[in-house]
Protein backbone atom coordinates (compact mmCIF):
# COMPACT_ATOMS: atom_id res chain seq x y z
CA VAL A 1 24.35 14.08 -2.42
CA ASP A 2 25.27 10.23 -0.78
CA ALA A 3 27.57 10.72 1.80
CA ILE A 4 30.78 8.78 1.63
CA ALA A 5 33.72 8.41 3.34
CA VAL A 6 36.62 5.74 4.07
CA TYR A 7 38.23 4.28 6.94
CA ASP A 8 41.40 2.81 8.24
CA THR A 9 41.68 -0.01 9.97
CA ASP A 10 42.26 1.60 13.04
CA MET A 11 39.05 3.91 12.76
CA ARG A 12 40.77 7.16 11.50
CA ILE A 13 38.88 8.75 8.19
CA ILE A 14 40.93 9.00 5.21
CA THR A 15 38.93 10.98 3.08
CA LEU A 16 35.20 12.48 3.32
CA ASN A 17 33.48 13.80 0.34
CA GLN A 18 32.00 17.34 1.14
CA THR A 19 27.90 15.86 2.52
CA SER A 20 29.68 13.61 5.12
CA LEU A 21 31.77 16.62 6.43
CA ASP A 22 28.45 18.88 6.79
CA ILE A 23 26.98 15.46 8.08
CA PHE A 24 29.98 15.65 11.15
CA GLY A 25 30.83 19.45 11.29
CA LYS A 26 34.50 20.74 11.37
CA PRO A 27 36.01 20.86 7.81
CA ALA A 28 37.88 18.93 6.84
CA GLU A 29 41.58 19.73 8.70
CA GLN A 30 39.51 18.58 11.87
CA LEU A 31 38.76 14.97 10.84
CA ILE A 32 41.09 13.71 8.41
CA GLY A 33 43.90 11.02 10.52
CA LYS A 34 41.32 11.44 13.37
CA LYS A 35 39.93 8.29 14.90
CA LEU A 36 36.61 7.96 14.83
CA LEU A 37 35.66 7.36 18.57
CA ASP A 38 37.67 10.22 19.12
CA ILE A 39 35.84 12.68 17.61
CA ILE A 40 32.79 11.24 18.32
CA PRO A 41 33.43 8.91 21.60
CA GLN A 42 29.18 8.14 22.70
CA MET A 43 29.22 5.77 19.15
CA GLU A 44 31.52 3.32 20.87
CA GLY A 45 29.20 0.35 21.10
CA SER A 46 26.62 1.41 18.77
CA LYS A 47 25.63 0.25 15.35
CA GLY A 48 27.60 2.05 13.48
CA HIS A 49 30.41 1.15 15.65
CA ARG A 50 29.77 -1.96 15.17
CA ASP A 51 29.11 -2.67 11.66
CA LEU A 52 32.81 -0.51 11.24
CA LEU A 53 33.78 -3.61 12.90
CA SER A 54 32.40 -6.12 10.96
CA ALA A 55 33.26 -4.22 8.00
CA ILE A 56 37.19 -4.36 9.26
CA ASN A 57 37.25 -7.95 10.25
CA GLY A 58 36.36 -8.13 6.21
CA GLU A 59 32.95 -8.31 6.69
CA THR A 60 30.16 -6.10 3.48
CA ILE A 61 26.84 -5.06 5.27
CA HIS A 62 24.10 -3.54 3.91
CA ASN A 63 21.31 -2.42 6.61
CA LYS A 64 18.21 -1.12 4.41
CA ILE A 65 17.56 1.38 7.30
CA TYR A 66 20.04 2.12 9.52
CA TYR A 67 19.12 5.26 12.18
CA SER A 68 22.07 7.18 13.20
CA GLU A 69 21.70 8.07 16.90
CA ILE A 70 24.86 10.87 16.42
CA SER A 71 22.59 12.50 13.14
CA HIS A 72 19.70 11.26 14.06
CA ARG A 73 18.63 10.46 10.40
CA TYR A 74 17.67 7.14 8.81
CA TYR A 75 20.35 6.66 6.21
CA GLU A 76 20.58 3.25 3.69
CA ASN A 77 23.78 2.45 4.21
CA SER A 78 27.37 0.40 3.42
CA LEU A 79 30.56 -0.88 4.34
CA MET A 80 32.49 -2.33 1.96
CA PRO A 81 35.97 -3.91 3.13
CA LEU A 82 38.75 -2.38 0.42
CA LYS A 83 41.51 -5.12 0.24
CA ASP A 84 45.03 -5.39 -0.82
CA GLU A 85 46.75 -8.25 -3.80
CA SER A 86 46.88 -9.66 -0.47
CA ASN A 87 42.81 -10.02 0.05
CA ASN A 88 44.11 -8.56 3.65
CA VAL A 89 41.93 -5.03 4.08
CA PHE A 90 43.14 -1.77 4.35
CA ALA A 91 40.18 0.88 4.92
CA VAL A 92 36.80 0.30 4.73
CA LEU A 93 34.41 2.38 2.25
CA VAL A 94 31.04 3.93 4.40
CA MET A 95 28.59 5.42 1.38
CA ALA A 96 24.67 6.65 3.40
CA HIS A 97 22.34 7.56 1.62
CA ASP A 98 19.61 9.76 4.03
CA ASN A 99 15.81 8.14 3.60
CA THR A 100 14.66 10.13 6.15
CA ASP A 101 12.77 12.63 4.35
CA ILE A 102 10.95 8.99 2.44
CA LEU A 103 10.18 7.47 5.71
CA ALA A 104 8.78 10.65 7.20
CA SER A 105 6.71 11.07 4.03
CA THR A 106 5.53 6.90 3.77
CA GLN A 107 4.82 7.01 6.99
CA LYS A 108 2.46 10.22 5.87
CA LEU A 109 1.19 8.40 3.93
CA LYS A 110 0.43 5.65 5.39
CA GLU A 111 -1.67 7.08 8.05
CA ALA A 112 -3.58 9.28 5.19
CA GLN A 113 -4.57 6.23 3.76
CA GLN A 114 -5.26 4.23 6.86
CA ILE A 115 -7.42 7.59 7.66
CA ALA A 116 -9.36 7.63 4.07
CA GLN A 117 -9.48 3.57 4.03
CA ILE A 118 -7.85 3.86 0.53
CA GLY A 119 -4.63 1.94 -0.73
CA HIS A 120 -2.37 2.10 -2.85
CA TRP A 121 -1.04 -1.03 -5.59
CA ASP A 122 2.18 -1.90 -8.23
CA TRP A 123 1.75 -4.30 -10.58
CA ASP A 124 4.88 -5.68 -12.14
CA VAL A 125 2.74 -7.02 -15.77
CA ILE A 126 6.22 -9.08 -16.30
CA THR A 127 5.64 -11.08 -13.50
CA ASN A 128 2.15 -10.87 -12.55
CA GLU A 129 2.97 -9.72 -9.40
CA LEU A 130 1.55 -7.31 -7.47
CA THR A 131 2.54 -5.05 -4.56
CA TRP A 132 -0.54 -3.73 -2.35
CA SER A 133 -0.49 -1.35 0.46
CA ASP A 134 -1.15 -2.67 4.91
CA ASN A 135 -4.50 -0.46 3.61
CA MET A 136 -5.20 -2.35 0.57
CA TYR A 137 -5.20 -6.23 2.25
CA LYS A 138 -7.49 -4.74 5.70
CA ILE A 139 -9.45 -3.52 3.06
CA TYR A 140 -9.97 -6.98 1.39
CA GLY A 141 -9.71 -8.45 4.38
CA LEU A 142 -7.13 -10.44 3.55
CA ASP A 143 -3.67 -11.59 5.36
CA ALA A 144 -0.94 -9.60 4.76
CA GLU A 145 1.60 -12.23 4.12
CA GLN A 146 -0.57 -13.39 0.68
CA SER A 147 1.44 -12.99 -2.01
CA ILE A 148 -1.04 -11.66 -4.72
CA ASN A 149 -1.54 -11.48 -8.78
CA TYR A 150 -3.78 -9.98 -11.02
CA GLU A 151 -5.93 -12.96 -11.55
CA ARG A 152 -6.87 -13.41 -7.16
CA PHE A 153 -6.40 -9.62 -6.94
CA ILE A 154 -9.89 -9.47 -10.04
CA SER A 155 -11.55 -12.03 -8.89
CA LEU A 156 -11.86 -10.01 -5.81
CA VAL A 157 -13.23 -7.25 -8.09
CA HIS A 158 -17.27 -7.17 -7.25
CA PRO A 159 -18.38 -9.35 -10.15
CA ASP A 160 -20.50 -6.10 -11.56
CA ASP A 161 -16.73 -3.87 -11.38
CA ARG A 162 -14.70 -6.26 -13.09
CA PRO A 163 -15.56 -4.87 -16.51
CA ASN A 164 -14.91 -1.27 -16.15
CA MET A 165 -12.08 -2.19 -13.41
CA GLN A 166 -10.25 -5.17 -16.73
CA ALA A 167 -11.28 -2.24 -19.53
CA SER A 168 -9.53 0.64 -17.09
CA ILE A 169 -6.26 -1.67 -17.31
CA GLU A 170 -6.11 -2.74 -20.42
CA PHE A 171 -6.73 1.07 -21.92
CA ALA A 172 -3.68 1.95 -19.10
CA LEU A 173 -1.47 -1.10 -20.87
CA GLN A 174 -2.19 0.40 -24.42
CA SER A 175 -1.57 4.22 -23.38
CA GLN A 176 2.73 3.22 -22.21
């Protein structure tokens, strides 16, 4: 479950869900109505603090990867200013999804692929766009900044292997 919290414009905690309470490690009675920096003074000046200030000033913030120096975990988070009918910010909604385990698994997969000298890829058949792992680019000696599509990929497969490759792909497409 994602962590959800609402702060007023003075950074007082208005409400928290259970996941947020678990992150803070304190019961709601010790948090609700308290200013964030009174609870976690070391947060002052951090990215999280700056993002909250930006949201209080009306900016919507989205971080695909945010490292919390407080919890020592990685989150994808969003901070959304809540506005009244006059368009004045009265609070900020913060939602955070803990991606620490996913990021660690991704790193382990990347390392395993490098050791085994293999890669992985995904093909969007509608857009004909391929997404390759970094190691796929290394295997084929290509720059990772270059885009890749199905036709380009097939041109990189050894001519003797193309019929089997294309037959396997056709079978997979028909099996879905």
